[in-house]
Amino acid sequence: MKIIIWQKFLFLFLYVISSPLFAETDYVLCIDGGGSKTILQVLDAQGRLIDLRKNNAKLEKIEAASSNINNVGKEGVKAVFHSLFNDVQIDDGSTTIADILPYCRVVAGIAGTGLLENKQSIIALFEEYGIRREHILLMSDAELALQLIDDEGIILISGTGSVCFGKKNNTVYRVGGLGRILGDEGSGYQIGLQALKAAFAEEYGWGTPTSLTPALKEFFNVTELKTLISKINLGEMQPSKIASTAPLVFNEAWQGDSIANEIISSAAKDLADLLVKQLKISDLSNCELHLWGGIFKNTFVDAFIQKIMNGIDSCYRKRLKIVNKSSENAAVVYASKFNSFKE
């Protein structure tokens, strides 16, 4: 899908409005909000990460639950902000985050804010904390990651959901990202869902025995997984909860379970398919491929990436430089890249 007209000017516009981002403010709140968790880190006026304190513990970052408004609603996002901002001290503990919010700037990449209505709702929540609208730079997590591509390149995201974006000649190309019902191929949610299906099948007697079944019982703390079926079908179980089982599936796959291995191999193929489609519609080559999302943080990530690349024609593989960005906070990287700090 080719995104046209106004988005051709998006990158220049964001650069222009963000250049004075730190003027007359002492701190910048950098928020990375995905489908499973939300991370807050704070930069000072010199662009340095500052220490935070919560419950008497010294922390580099504060973590909370998912802030994807499509999944948790406005009240869910509000609860996440409460966790991030309340009872959190900065530096030596003499000042709290809540005290400095009216004097902060915000750089935030939050899943679900691609829709204007969602974006406005979340900006309104920031304003409730006294943060001025003109001090807020808010994009979806995918849009923010895309800003970190210099001239042209590709981002492949696999976390709770999945999507693949390409950028070439100031034009943005998108493949996937249609949500857990219509898509999210190769995502943590789909990996977890397939694992649960396999375990349900074993419990009911028509499936192949798999080590996923006892592992999932322990994860959900149930004696029978079938008790979860109604919660899943009624949408009472958050997608992030299902996605959080993905590391378990990876572990069982690399321990030799054939069913888990099939699920992981299928996820790799799905992500390879997204990437192949992106390469075809954007005609990109000799560029960086940035990997983002929790799936690319797992212990077996190198082998998983190799599985993905094996699903791509060798002529493409040789032209892509893979950069795993999944352990970084995109908001911090963006703030550091595009904004000058006070000396």
C-alpha atoms as a PDB file:
ATOM      1  CA  MET A   1       0.000   0.000   0.000  1.00  0.00           C
ATOM      2  CA  LYS A   2       1.504   3.311  -1.051  1.00  0.00           C
ATOM      3  CA  ILE A   3       0.912   6.231   1.289  1.00  0.00           C
ATOM      4  CA  ILE A   4       0.733   9.386  -0.818  1.00  0.00           C
ATOM      5  CA  ILE A   5       0.493  13.206  -0.897  1.00  0.00           C
ATOM      6  CA  TRP A   6       0.739  14.715   2.608  1.00  0.00           C
ATOM      7  CA  GLN A   7       2.907  11.953   4.046  1.00  0.00           C
ATOM      8  CA  LYS A   8       5.586  12.834   1.504  1.00  0.00           C
ATOM      9  CA  PHE A   9       6.100  15.967   3.583  1.00  0.00           C
ATOM     10  CA  LEU A  10       5.755  14.240   6.987  1.00  0.00           C
ATOM     11  CA  PHE A  11       9.441  13.732   7.632  1.00  0.00           C
ATOM     12  CA  LEU A  12      10.429  17.329   6.817  1.00  0.00           C
ATOM     13  CA  PHE A  13       7.529  18.640   8.905  1.00  0.00           C
ATOM     14  CA  LEU A  14       8.451  16.553  11.945  1.00  0.00           C
ATOM     15  CA  TYR A  15      12.059  17.626  11.718  1.00  0.00           C
ATOM     16  CA  VAL A  16      11.121  21.299  11.567  1.00  0.00           C
ATOM     17  CA  ILE A  17       8.709  21.205  14.501  1.00  0.00           C
ATOM     18  CA  SER A  18      11.011  19.100  16.650  1.00  0.00           C
ATOM     19  CA  SER A  19      14.163  21.171  16.235  1.00  0.00           C
ATOM     20  CA  PRO A  20      13.288  23.539  19.134  1.00  0.00           C
ATOM     21  CA  LEU A  21      11.837  20.676  21.158  1.00  0.00           C
ATOM     22  CA  PHE A  22      13.947  21.290  24.234  1.00  0.00           C
ATOM     23  CA  ALA A  23      13.762  25.066  24.318  1.00  0.00           C
ATOM     24  CA  GLU A  24      12.811  26.457  27.714  1.00  0.00           C
ATOM     25  CA  THR A  25      12.288  23.032  29.262  1.00  0.00           C
ATOM     26  CA  ASP A  26      14.441  21.101  31.699  1.00  0.00           C
ATOM     27  CA  TYR A  27      13.337  17.539  30.939  1.00  0.00           C
ATOM     28  CA  VAL A  28      12.056  15.443  28.070  1.00  0.00           C
ATOM     29  CA  LEU A  29       9.777  12.473  28.720  1.00  0.00           C
ATOM     30  CA  CYS A  30      10.567   9.718  26.200  1.00  0.00           C
ATOM     31  CA  ILE A  31       7.731   7.204  25.995  1.00  0.00           C
ATOM     32  CA  ASP A  32       7.738   3.994  23.981  1.00  0.00           C
ATOM     33  CA  GLY A  33       4.288   2.427  24.135  1.00  0.00           C
ATOM     34  CA  GLY A  34       3.608  -0.907  22.490  1.00  0.00           C
ATOM     35  CA  GLY A  35       0.992  -3.608  22.608  1.00  0.00           C
ATOM     36  CA  SER A  36       2.522  -5.346  25.632  1.00  0.00           C
ATOM     37  CA  LYS A  37       4.233  -2.681  27.719  1.00  0.00           C
ATOM     38  CA  THR A  38       5.048   1.005  27.943  1.00  0.00           C
ATOM     39  CA  ILE A  39       8.464   2.408  28.840  1.00  0.00           C
ATOM     40  CA  LEU A  40       9.307   5.857  30.203  1.00  0.00           C
ATOM     41  CA  GLN A  41      12.820   7.290  30.212  1.00  0.00           C
ATOM     42  CA  VAL A  42      13.734  10.897  30.952  1.00  0.00           C
ATOM     43  CA  LEU A  43      16.398  13.100  29.384  1.00  0.00           C
ATOM     44  CA  ASP A  44      17.753  16.250  30.972  1.00  0.00           C
ATOM     45  CA  ALA A  45      18.483  19.515  29.137  1.00  0.00           C
ATOM     46  CA  GLN A  46      21.868  18.166  28.014  1.00  0.00           C
ATOM     47  CA  GLY A  47      20.329  15.046  26.510  1.00  0.00           C
ATOM     48  CA  ARG A  48      21.526  12.695  29.239  1.00  0.00           C
ATOM     49  CA  LEU A  49      19.406   9.885  30.633  1.00  0.00           C
ATOM     50  CA  ILE A  50      18.657  10.577  34.268  1.00  0.00           C
ATOM     51  CA  ASP A  51      18.077   8.102  37.046  1.00  0.00           C
ATOM     52  CA  LEU A  52      14.553   7.518  38.296  1.00  0.00           C
ATOM     53  CA  ARG A  53      13.361   6.113  41.603  1.00  0.00           C
ATOM     54  CA  LYS A  54      10.238   4.150  42.430  1.00  0.00           C
ATOM     55  CA  ASN A  55       9.522   2.155  45.576  1.00  0.00           C
ATOM     56  CA  ASN A  56      13.014   3.064  46.813  1.00  0.00           C
ATOM     57  CA  ALA A  57      14.608   1.391  43.783  1.00  0.00           C
ATOM     58  CA  LYS A  58      16.970   3.221  41.425  1.00  0.00           C
ATOM     59  CA  LEU A  59      15.875   2.685  37.823  1.00  0.00           C
ATOM     60  CA  GLU A  60      16.917   3.784  34.339  1.00  0.00           C
ATOM     61  CA  LYS A  61      13.359   3.345  33.092  1.00  0.00           C
ATOM     62  CA  ILE A  62       9.822   2.933  34.370  1.00  0.00           C
ATOM     63  CA  GLU A  63       7.699   0.172  32.865  1.00  0.00           C
ATOM     64  CA  ALA A  64       3.918  -0.145  32.782  1.00  0.00           C
ATOM     65  CA  ALA A  65       1.299  -2.145  30.898  1.00  0.00           C
ATOM     66  CA  SER A  66       0.206  -1.739  27.278  1.00  0.00           C
ATOM     67  CA  SER A  67      -0.875   1.749  26.197  1.00  0.00           C
ATOM     68  CA  ASN A  68      -2.436   0.723  22.878  1.00  0.00           C
ATOM     69  CA  ILE A  69      -5.737   2.562  23.110  1.00  0.00           C
ATOM     70  CA  ASN A  70      -7.350   0.140  20.656  1.00  0.00           C
ATOM     71  CA  ASN A  71      -6.871  -2.661  23.178  1.00  0.00           C
ATOM     72  CA  VAL A  72      -7.066  -0.993  26.587  1.00  0.00           C
ATOM     73  CA  GLY A  73      -9.260   2.039  25.870  1.00  0.00           C
ATOM     74  CA  LYS A  74      -8.751   5.589  27.080  1.00  0.00           C
ATOM     75  CA  GLU A  75      -9.114   4.588  30.728  1.00  0.00           C
ATOM     76  CA  GLY A  76      -6.427   1.931  30.243  1.00  0.00           C
ATOM     77  CA  VAL A  77      -4.042   4.522  28.838  1.00  0.00           C
ATOM     78  CA  LYS A  78      -4.890   6.825  31.725  1.00  0.00           C
ATOM     79  CA  ALA A  79      -3.996   4.054  34.175  1.00  0.00           C
ATOM     80  CA  VAL A  80      -0.668   3.519  32.405  1.00  0.00           C
ATOM     81  CA  PHE A  81       0.156   7.231  32.658  1.00  0.00           C
ATOM     82  CA  HIS A  82      -0.664   7.077  36.356  1.00  0.00           C
ATOM     83  CA  SER A  83       1.852   4.230  36.772  1.00  0.00           C
ATOM     84  CA  LEU A  84       4.514   6.094  34.809  1.00  0.00           C
ATOM     85  CA  PHE A  85       4.151   9.522  36.399  1.00  0.00           C
ATOM     86  CA  ASN A  86       2.928   9.037  39.967  1.00  0.00           C
ATOM     87  CA  ASP A  87       5.211   8.174  42.890  1.00  0.00           C
ATOM     88  CA  VAL A  88       8.281   8.380  40.659  1.00  0.00           C
ATOM     89  CA  GLN A  89      11.223  10.550  41.721  1.00  0.00           C
ATOM     90  CA  ILE A  90      14.046  11.909  39.599  1.00  0.00           C
ATOM     91  CA  ASP A  91      17.755  12.252  40.405  1.00  0.00           C
ATOM     92  CA  ASP A  92      18.274  12.246  44.175  1.00  0.00           C
ATOM     93  CA  GLY A  93      14.598  11.772  44.995  1.00  0.00           C
ATOM     94  CA  SER A  94      13.915  15.389  45.967  1.00  0.00           C
ATOM     95  CA  THR A  95      11.691  15.992  42.936  1.00  0.00           C
ATOM     96  CA  THR A  96       8.908  13.845  41.510  1.00  0.00           C
ATOM     97  CA  ILE A  97       7.876  13.360  37.898  1.00  0.00           C
ATOM     98  CA  ALA A  98       4.465  14.791  38.791  1.00  0.00           C
ATOM     99  CA  ASP A  99       6.127  18.018  39.995  1.00  0.00           C
ATOM    100  CA  ILE A 100       7.954  18.669  36.728  1.00  0.00           C
ATOM    101  CA  LEU A 101       5.297  17.604  34.192  1.00  0.00           C
ATOM    102  CA  PRO A 102       4.120  21.171  33.390  1.00  0.00           C
ATOM    103  CA  TYR A 103       7.729  22.016  32.492  1.00  0.00           C
ATOM    104  CA  CYS A 104       8.441  18.935  30.361  1.00  0.00           C
ATOM    105  CA  ARG A 105       8.411  18.140  26.689  1.00  0.00           C
ATOM    106  CA  VAL A 106       7.174  14.783  25.451  1.00  0.00           C
ATOM    107  CA  VAL A 107       8.418  12.569  22.655  1.00  0.00           C
ATOM    108  CA  ALA A 108       6.145   9.544  22.464  1.00  0.00           C
ATOM    109  CA  GLY A 109       5.624   6.649  20.111  1.00  0.00           C
ATOM    110  CA  ILE A 110       2.448   4.881  21.211  1.00  0.00           C
ATOM    111  CA  ALA A 111       0.711   2.064  19.368  1.00  0.00           C
ATOM    112  CA  GLY A 112      -2.779   2.906  18.143  1.00  0.00           C
ATOM    113  CA  THR A 113      -2.224   6.638  17.630  1.00  0.00           C
ATOM    114  CA  GLY A 114      -2.154   6.343  13.853  1.00  0.00           C
ATOM    115  CA  LEU A 115      -5.856   7.173  14.031  1.00  0.00           C
ATOM    116  CA  LEU A 116      -6.396  10.906  14.572  1.00  0.00           C
ATOM    117  CA  GLU A 117      -9.199  10.345  17.087  1.00  0.00           C
ATOM    118  CA  ASN A 118      -6.953   8.138  19.226  1.00  0.00           C
ATOM    119  CA  LYS A 119      -4.104  10.600  18.966  1.00  0.00           C
ATOM    120  CA  GLN A 120      -6.260  13.481  20.165  1.00  0.00           C
ATOM    121  CA  SER A 121      -7.555  11.407  23.084  1.00  0.00           C
ATOM    122  CA  ILE A 122      -4.043  10.648  24.292  1.00  0.00           C
ATOM    123  CA  ILE A 123      -2.867  14.232  23.833  1.00  0.00           C
ATOM    124  CA  ALA A 124      -5.814  15.256  26.026  1.00  0.00           C
ATOM    125  CA  LEU A 125      -4.588  12.845  28.715  1.00  0.00           C
ATOM    126  CA  PHE A 126      -1.135  14.449  28.617  1.00  0.00           C
ATOM    127  CA  GLU A 127      -2.802  17.855  28.980  1.00  0.00           C
ATOM    128  CA  GLU A 128      -4.607  16.673  32.107  1.00  0.00           C
ATOM    129  CA  TYR A 129      -1.148  16.431  33.688  1.00  0.00           C
ATOM    130  CA  GLY A 130      -0.416  20.037  32.790  1.00  0.00           C
ATOM    131  CA  ILE A 131       1.746  19.340  29.754  1.00  0.00           C
ATOM    132  CA  ARG A 132       1.214  21.935  27.050  1.00  0.00           C
ATOM    133  CA  ARG A 133      -0.080  20.678  23.704  1.00  0.00           C
ATOM    134  CA  GLU A 134       2.704  22.412  21.789  1.00  0.00           C
ATOM    135  CA  HIS A 135       5.236  20.515  23.908  1.00  0.00           C
ATOM    136  CA  ILE A 136       3.900  17.116  22.835  1.00  0.00           C
ATOM    137  CA  LEU A 137       5.280  15.190  19.857  1.00  0.00           C
ATOM    138  CA  LEU A 138       3.117  12.066  19.543  1.00  0.00           C
ATOM    139  CA  MET A 139       3.208   9.405  16.826  1.00  0.00           C
ATOM    140  CA  SER A 140       2.424   5.735  16.583  1.00  0.00           C
ATOM    141  CA  ASP A 141       5.295   3.478  17.610  1.00  0.00           C
ATOM    142  CA  ALA A 142       5.718   2.447  13.965  1.00  0.00           C
ATOM    143  CA  GLU A 143       5.780   6.046  12.717  1.00  0.00           C
ATOM    144  CA  LEU A 144       8.394   6.961  15.296  1.00  0.00           C
ATOM    145  CA  ALA A 145      10.580   3.999  14.322  1.00  0.00           C
ATOM    146  CA  LEU A 146      10.261   5.047  10.690  1.00  0.00           C
ATOM    147  CA  GLN A 147      11.681   8.489  11.506  1.00  0.00           C
ATOM    148  CA  LEU A 148      14.936   6.792  12.487  1.00  0.00           C
ATOM    149  CA  ILE A 149      15.519   5.681   8.893  1.00  0.00           C
ATOM    150  CA  ASP A 150      17.800   8.326   7.382  1.00  0.00           C
ATOM    151  CA  ASP A 151      17.112   8.455   3.648  1.00  0.00           C
ATOM    152  CA  GLU A 152      15.597   5.132   2.701  1.00  0.00           C
ATOM    153  CA  GLY A 153      15.159   1.782   4.343  1.00  0.00           C
ATOM    154  CA  ILE A 154      12.766  -0.692   5.916  1.00  0.00           C
ATOM    155  CA  ILE A 155      11.420  -1.340   9.399  1.00  0.00           C
ATOM    156  CA  LEU A 156       9.967  -4.693  10.387  1.00  0.00           C
ATOM    157  CA  ILE A 157       8.075  -4.699  13.662  1.00  0.00           C
ATOM    158  CA  SER A 158       7.038  -7.834  15.503  1.00  0.00           C
ATOM    159  CA  GLY A 159       5.764  -7.371  19.019  1.00  0.00           C
ATOM    160  CA  THR A 160       2.203  -7.995  20.136  1.00  0.00           C
ATOM    161  CA  GLY A 161       1.336  -7.097  16.519  1.00  0.00           C
ATOM    162  CA  SER A 162       3.353  -6.828  13.328  1.00  0.00           C
ATOM    163  CA  VAL A 163       3.829  -4.451  10.400  1.00  0.00           C
ATOM    164  CA  CYS A 164       6.446  -3.644   7.774  1.00  0.00           C
ATOM    165  CA  PHE A 165       7.163  -0.125   6.502  1.00  0.00           C
ATOM    166  CA  GLY A 166       9.493   1.071   3.788  1.00  0.00           C
ATOM    167  CA  LYS A 167      10.688   4.562   2.944  1.00  0.00           C
ATOM    168  CA  LYS A 168      12.066   5.655  -0.414  1.00  0.00           C
ATOM    169  CA  ASN A 169      12.198   9.100  -2.008  1.00  0.00           C
ATOM    170  CA  ASN A 170      10.069  10.522   0.843  1.00  0.00           C
ATOM    171  CA  THR A 171       7.314   8.022   0.068  1.00  0.00           C
ATOM    172  CA  VAL A 172       6.145   5.558   2.716  1.00  0.00           C
ATOM    173  CA  TYR A 173       5.041   2.024   1.846  1.00  0.00           C
ATOM    174  CA  ARG A 174       3.142  -0.206   4.242  1.00  0.00           C
ATOM    175  CA  VAL A 175       2.572  -3.956   4.354  1.00  0.00           C
ATOM    176  CA  GLY A 176       0.508  -5.642   7.075  1.00  0.00           C
ATOM    177  CA  GLY A 177      -0.443  -4.120  10.386  1.00  0.00           C
ATOM    178  CA  LEU A 178      -4.150  -4.926  10.054  1.00  0.00           C
ATOM    179  CA  GLY A 179      -4.605  -6.109  13.637  1.00  0.00           C
ATOM    180  CA  ARG A 180      -4.952  -9.466  15.300  1.00  0.00           C
ATOM    181  CA  ILE A 181      -8.197 -10.450  13.528  1.00  0.00           C
ATOM    182  CA  LEU A 182      -7.200  -9.540   9.981  1.00  0.00           C
ATOM    183  CA  GLY A 183      -3.455  -9.910  10.194  1.00  0.00           C
ATOM    184  CA  ASP A 184      -0.502  -9.362  12.555  1.00  0.00           C
ATOM    185  CA  GLU A 185       1.302 -12.189  10.808  1.00  0.00           C
ATOM    186  CA  GLY A 186       4.395 -13.407  12.639  1.00  0.00           C
ATOM    187  CA  SER A 187       3.548 -11.424  15.771  1.00  0.00           C
ATOM    188  CA  GLY A 188       3.781 -12.430  19.402  1.00  0.00           C
ATOM    189  CA  TYR A 189       0.005 -12.610  19.527  1.00  0.00           C
ATOM    190  CA  GLN A 190      -0.183 -15.040  16.615  1.00  0.00           C
ATOM    191  CA  ILE A 191       2.645 -17.169  18.040  1.00  0.00           C
ATOM    192  CA  GLY A 192       0.857 -17.367  21.396  1.00  0.00           C
ATOM    193  CA  LEU A 193      -2.513 -18.040  19.792  1.00  0.00           C
ATOM    194  CA  GLN A 194      -1.154 -20.907  17.692  1.00  0.00           C
ATOM    195  CA  ALA A 195       0.486 -22.386  20.787  1.00  0.00           C
ATOM    196  CA  LEU A 196      -2.802 -22.272  22.674  1.00  0.00           C
ATOM    197  CA  LYS A 197      -4.635 -23.893  19.752  1.00  0.00           C
ATOM    198  CA  ALA A 198      -2.117 -26.725  19.729  1.00  0.00           C
ATOM    199  CA  ALA A 199      -2.446 -27.222  23.482  1.00  0.00           C
ATOM    200  CA  PHE A 200      -6.274 -27.151  23.313  1.00  0.00           C
ATOM    201  CA  ALA A 201      -6.141 -29.797  20.602  1.00  0.00           C
ATOM    202  CA  GLU A 202      -3.997 -32.049  22.778  1.00  0.00           C
ATOM    203  CA  GLU A 203      -6.287 -31.598  25.779  1.00  0.00           C
ATOM    204  CA  TYR A 204      -9.338 -32.553  23.718  1.00  0.00           C
ATOM    205  CA  GLY A 205      -7.594 -35.602  22.296  1.00  0.00           C
ATOM    206  CA  TRP A 206      -7.243 -34.785  18.603  1.00  0.00           C
ATOM    207  CA  GLY A 207      -3.895 -32.986  18.733  1.00  0.00           C
ATOM    208  CA  THR A 208      -0.283 -34.088  18.792  1.00  0.00           C
ATOM    209  CA  PRO A 209       1.270 -34.216  22.260  1.00  0.00           C
ATOM    210  CA  THR A 210       3.449 -31.170  22.865  1.00  0.00           C
ATOM    211  CA  SER A 211       5.512 -29.759  25.712  1.00  0.00           C
ATOM    212  CA  LEU A 212       3.628 -26.514  25.143  1.00  0.00           C
ATOM    213  CA  THR A 213       0.631 -27.913  27.014  1.00  0.00           C
ATOM    214  CA  PRO A 214       2.214 -28.275  30.484  1.00  0.00           C
ATOM    215  CA  ALA A 215       4.258 -25.118  29.943  1.00  0.00           C
ATOM    216  CA  LEU A 216       1.135 -23.082  29.154  1.00  0.00           C
ATOM    217  CA  LYS A 217      -0.751 -24.593  32.108  1.00  0.00           C
ATOM    218  CA  GLU A 218       2.021 -23.406  34.384  1.00  0.00           C
ATOM    219  CA  PHE A 219       2.125 -19.987  32.704  1.00  0.00           C
ATOM    220  CA  PHE A 220      -1.610 -19.396  33.153  1.00  0.00           C
ATOM    221  CA  ASN A 221      -1.732 -21.248  36.488  1.00  0.00           C
ATOM    222  CA  VAL A 222      -4.573 -23.553  35.471  1.00  0.00           C
ATOM    223  CA  THR A 223      -5.043 -27.308  35.620  1.00  0.00           C
ATOM    224  CA  GLU A 224      -6.930 -27.349  32.318  1.00  0.00           C
ATOM    225  CA  LEU A 225      -6.249 -24.870  29.526  1.00  0.00           C
ATOM    226  CA  LYS A 226      -9.761 -25.357  28.148  1.00  0.00           C
ATOM    227  CA  THR A 227     -11.019 -23.136  30.997  1.00  0.00           C
ATOM    228  CA  LEU A 228      -9.443 -20.216  29.112  1.00  0.00           C
ATOM    229  CA  ILE A 229     -11.404 -20.723  25.895  1.00  0.00           C
ATOM    230  CA  SER A 230     -14.397 -18.565  26.774  1.00  0.00           C
ATOM    231  CA  LYS A 231     -12.170 -15.733  28.013  1.00  0.00           C
ATOM    232  CA  ILE A 232     -10.273 -15.737  24.737  1.00  0.00           C
ATOM    233  CA  ASN A 233     -13.384 -15.934  22.546  1.00  0.00           C
ATOM    234  CA  LEU A 234     -15.145 -13.187  24.488  1.00  0.00           C
ATOM    235  CA  GLY A 235     -12.113 -10.906  24.308  1.00  0.00           C
ATOM    236  CA  GLU A 236     -11.698 -10.928  28.073  1.00  0.00           C
ATOM    237  CA  MET A 237      -8.033 -11.878  27.775  1.00  0.00           C
ATOM    238  CA  GLN A 238      -5.849  -9.011  26.594  1.00  0.00           C
ATOM    239  CA  PRO A 239      -3.884  -9.624  23.355  1.00  0.00           C
ATOM    240  CA  SER A 240      -0.753  -8.658  25.280  1.00  0.00           C
ATOM    241  CA  LYS A 241      -1.331 -11.586  27.657  1.00  0.00           C
ATOM    242  CA  ILE A 242      -1.500 -14.049  24.775  1.00  0.00           C
ATOM    243  CA  ALA A 243       1.545 -12.425  23.151  1.00  0.00           C
ATOM    244  CA  SER A 244       3.482 -12.739  26.399  1.00  0.00           C
ATOM    245  CA  THR A 245       3.561 -16.516  25.915  1.00  0.00           C
ATOM    246  CA  ALA A 246       5.797 -16.149  22.833  1.00  0.00           C
ATOM    247  CA  PRO A 247       9.114 -16.509  24.754  1.00  0.00           C
ATOM    248  CA  LEU A 248       7.785 -19.776  26.153  1.00  0.00           C
ATOM    249  CA  VAL A 249       7.092 -21.032  22.616  1.00  0.00           C
ATOM    250  CA  PHE A 250      10.580 -20.064  21.474  1.00  0.00           C
ATOM    251  CA  ASN A 251      12.081 -21.918  24.430  1.00  0.00           C
ATOM    252  CA  GLU A 252      10.112 -25.093  23.755  1.00  0.00           C
ATOM    253  CA  ALA A 253      10.989 -24.921  20.059  1.00  0.00           C
ATOM    254  CA  TRP A 254      14.694 -24.729  20.779  1.00  0.00           C
ATOM    255  CA  GLN A 255      14.318 -27.518  23.329  1.00  0.00           C
ATOM    256  CA  GLY A 256      13.207 -29.714  20.450  1.00  0.00           C
ATOM    257  CA  ASP A 257       9.397 -29.714  20.610  1.00  0.00           C
ATOM    258  CA  SER A 258       8.179 -30.295  17.055  1.00  0.00           C
ATOM    259  CA  ILE A 259       4.879 -28.401  17.423  1.00  0.00           C
ATOM    260  CA  ALA A 260       6.562 -25.354  18.931  1.00  0.00           C
ATOM    261  CA  ASN A 261       9.175 -25.474  16.178  1.00  0.00           C
ATOM    262  CA  GLU A 262       6.447 -25.502  13.519  1.00  0.00           C
ATOM    263  CA  ILE A 263       4.846 -22.428  15.103  1.00  0.00           C
ATOM    264  CA  ILE A 264       8.128 -20.511  15.207  1.00  0.00           C
ATOM    265  CA  SER A 265       9.021 -21.534  11.656  1.00  0.00           C
ATOM    266  CA  SER A 266       5.577 -20.422  10.475  1.00  0.00           C
ATOM    267  CA  ALA A 267       6.018 -17.046  12.207  1.00  0.00           C
ATOM    268  CA  ALA A 268       9.393 -16.586  10.522  1.00  0.00           C
ATOM    269  CA  LYS A 269       7.831 -17.395   7.145  1.00  0.00           C
ATOM    270  CA  ASP A 270       5.018 -14.897   7.770  1.00  0.00           C
ATOM    271  CA  LEU A 271       7.494 -12.129   8.574  1.00  0.00           C
ATOM    272  CA  ALA A 272       9.560 -13.063   5.527  1.00  0.00           C
ATOM    273  CA  ASP A 273       6.408 -12.750   3.401  1.00  0.00           C
ATOM    274  CA  LEU A 274       5.774  -9.241   4.754  1.00  0.00           C
ATOM    275  CA  LEU A 275       9.330  -8.307   3.950  1.00  0.00           C
ATOM    276  CA  VAL A 276       9.220  -9.774   0.434  1.00  0.00           C
ATOM    277  CA  LYS A 277       6.028  -7.838  -0.340  1.00  0.00           C
ATOM    278  CA  GLN A 278       7.639  -4.674   0.968  1.00  0.00           C
ATOM    279  CA  LEU A 279      10.707  -5.160  -1.199  1.00  0.00           C
ATOM    280  CA  LYS A 280       8.511  -5.644  -4.262  1.00  0.00           C
ATOM    281  CA  ILE A 281       6.225  -2.652  -3.838  1.00  0.00           C
ATOM    282  CA  SER A 282       8.943  -0.218  -2.723  1.00  0.00           C
ATOM    283  CA  ASP A 283      11.704  -1.527  -4.992  1.00  0.00           C
ATOM    284  CA  LEU A 284      14.136  -0.933  -2.151  1.00  0.00           C
ATOM    285  CA  SER A 285      17.617  -2.456  -2.170  1.00  0.00           C
ATOM    286  CA  ASN A 286      21.017  -1.833  -0.601  1.00  0.00           C
ATOM    287  CA  CYS A 287      19.384  -0.387   2.505  1.00  0.00           C
ATOM    288  CA  GLU A 288      19.117  -0.965   6.233  1.00  0.00           C
ATOM    289  CA  LEU A 289      16.446  -3.232   7.680  1.00  0.00           C
ATOM    290  CA  HIS A 290      15.597  -2.122  11.212  1.00  0.00           C
ATOM    291  CA  LEU A 291      14.022  -4.753  13.452  1.00  0.00           C
ATOM    292  CA  TRP A 292      11.784  -3.560  16.294  1.00  0.00           C
ATOM    293  CA  GLY A 293       9.540  -5.286  18.820  1.00  0.00           C
ATOM    294  CA  GLY A 294       9.643  -7.824  21.602  1.00  0.00           C
ATOM    295  CA  ILE A 295       9.945 -10.836  19.312  1.00  0.00           C
ATOM    296  CA  PHE A 296      13.393  -9.624  18.313  1.00  0.00           C
ATOM    297  CA  LYS A 297      14.496  -9.503  21.951  1.00  0.00           C
ATOM    298  CA  ASN A 298      14.200 -13.209  22.695  1.00  0.00           C
ATOM    299  CA  THR A 299      17.169 -15.393  23.604  1.00  0.00           C
ATOM    300  CA  PHE A 300      17.081 -17.190  20.266  1.00  0.00           C
ATOM    301  CA  VAL A 301      16.768 -14.078  18.120  1.00  0.00           C
ATOM    302  CA  ASP A 302      19.798 -14.706  15.898  1.00  0.00           C
ATOM    303  CA  ALA A 303      18.502 -18.099  14.792  1.00  0.00           C
ATOM    304  CA  PHE A 304      15.011 -16.646  14.320  1.00  0.00           C
ATOM    305  CA  ILE A 305      16.305 -13.801  12.152  1.00  0.00           C
ATOM    306  CA  GLN A 306      18.161 -16.362  10.069  1.00  0.00           C
ATOM    307  CA  LYS A 307      14.904 -18.257   9.583  1.00  0.00           C
ATOM    308  CA  ILE A 308      13.283 -15.057   8.322  1.00  0.00           C
ATOM    309  CA  MET A 309      16.118 -14.297   5.943  1.00  0.00           C
ATOM    310  CA  ASN A 310      16.056 -17.855   4.604  1.00  0.00           C
ATOM    311  CA  GLY A 311      12.556 -17.069   3.349  1.00  0.00           C
ATOM    312  CA  ILE A 312      13.857 -14.237   1.179  1.00  0.00           C
ATOM    313  CA  ASP A 313      15.512 -14.554  -2.221  1.00  0.00           C
ATOM    314  CA  SER A 314      19.294 -14.453  -1.926  1.00  0.00           C
ATOM    315  CA  CYS A 315      19.533 -11.418  -4.221  1.00  0.00           C
ATOM    316  CA  TYR A 316      17.559  -9.429  -1.605  1.00  0.00           C
ATOM    317  CA  ARG A 317      19.383 -10.881   1.403  1.00  0.00           C
ATOM    318  CA  LYS A 318      22.728  -9.630   0.148  1.00  0.00           C
ATOM    319  CA  ARG A 319      21.399  -6.096  -0.206  1.00  0.00           C
ATOM    320  CA  LEU A 320      19.929  -5.698   3.268  1.00  0.00           C
ATOM    321  CA  LYS A 321      21.897  -4.600   6.309  1.00  0.00           C
ATOM    322  CA  ILE A 322      20.075  -5.930   9.355  1.00  0.00           C
ATOM    323  CA  VAL A 323      20.058  -3.676  12.418  1.00  0.00           C
ATOM    324  CA  ASN A 324      18.280  -5.043  15.483  1.00  0.00           C
ATOM    325  CA  LYS A 325      16.894  -1.967  17.277  1.00  0.00           C
ATOM    326  CA  SER A 326      14.486  -3.824  19.549  1.00  0.00           C
ATOM    327  CA  SER A 327      16.341  -3.131  22.796  1.00  0.00           C
ATOM    328  CA  GLU A 328      16.277   0.635  22.243  1.00  0.00           C
ATOM    329  CA  ASN A 329      13.655   3.172  23.250  1.00  0.00           C
ATOM    330  CA  ALA A 330      12.725   4.743  19.900  1.00  0.00           C
ATOM    331  CA  ALA A 331      11.631   7.953  21.632  1.00  0.00           C
ATOM    332  CA  VAL A 332      15.061   8.398  23.240  1.00  0.00           C
ATOM    333  CA  VAL A 333      16.813   7.686  19.944  1.00  0.00           C
ATOM    334  CA  TYR A 334      14.556  10.163  18.144  1.00  0.00           C
ATOM    335  CA  ALA A 335      15.064  12.890  20.735  1.00  0.00           C
ATOM    336  CA  SER A 336      18.831  12.433  20.644  1.00  0.00           C
ATOM    337  CA  LYS A 337      18.959  12.351  16.854  1.00  0.00           C
ATOM    338  CA  PHE A 338      16.792  15.299  15.906  1.00  0.00           C
ATOM    339  CA  ASN A 339      17.182  17.800  18.716  1.00  0.00           C
ATOM    340  CA  SER A 340      20.010  20.002  19.927  1.00  0.00           C
ATOM    341  CA  PHE A 341      20.548  20.116  23.681  1.00  0.00           C
ATOM    342  CA  LYS A 342      21.640  22.962  25.879  1.00  0.00           C
ATOM    343  CA  GLU A 343      25.354  23.138  26.608  1.00  0.00           C
END
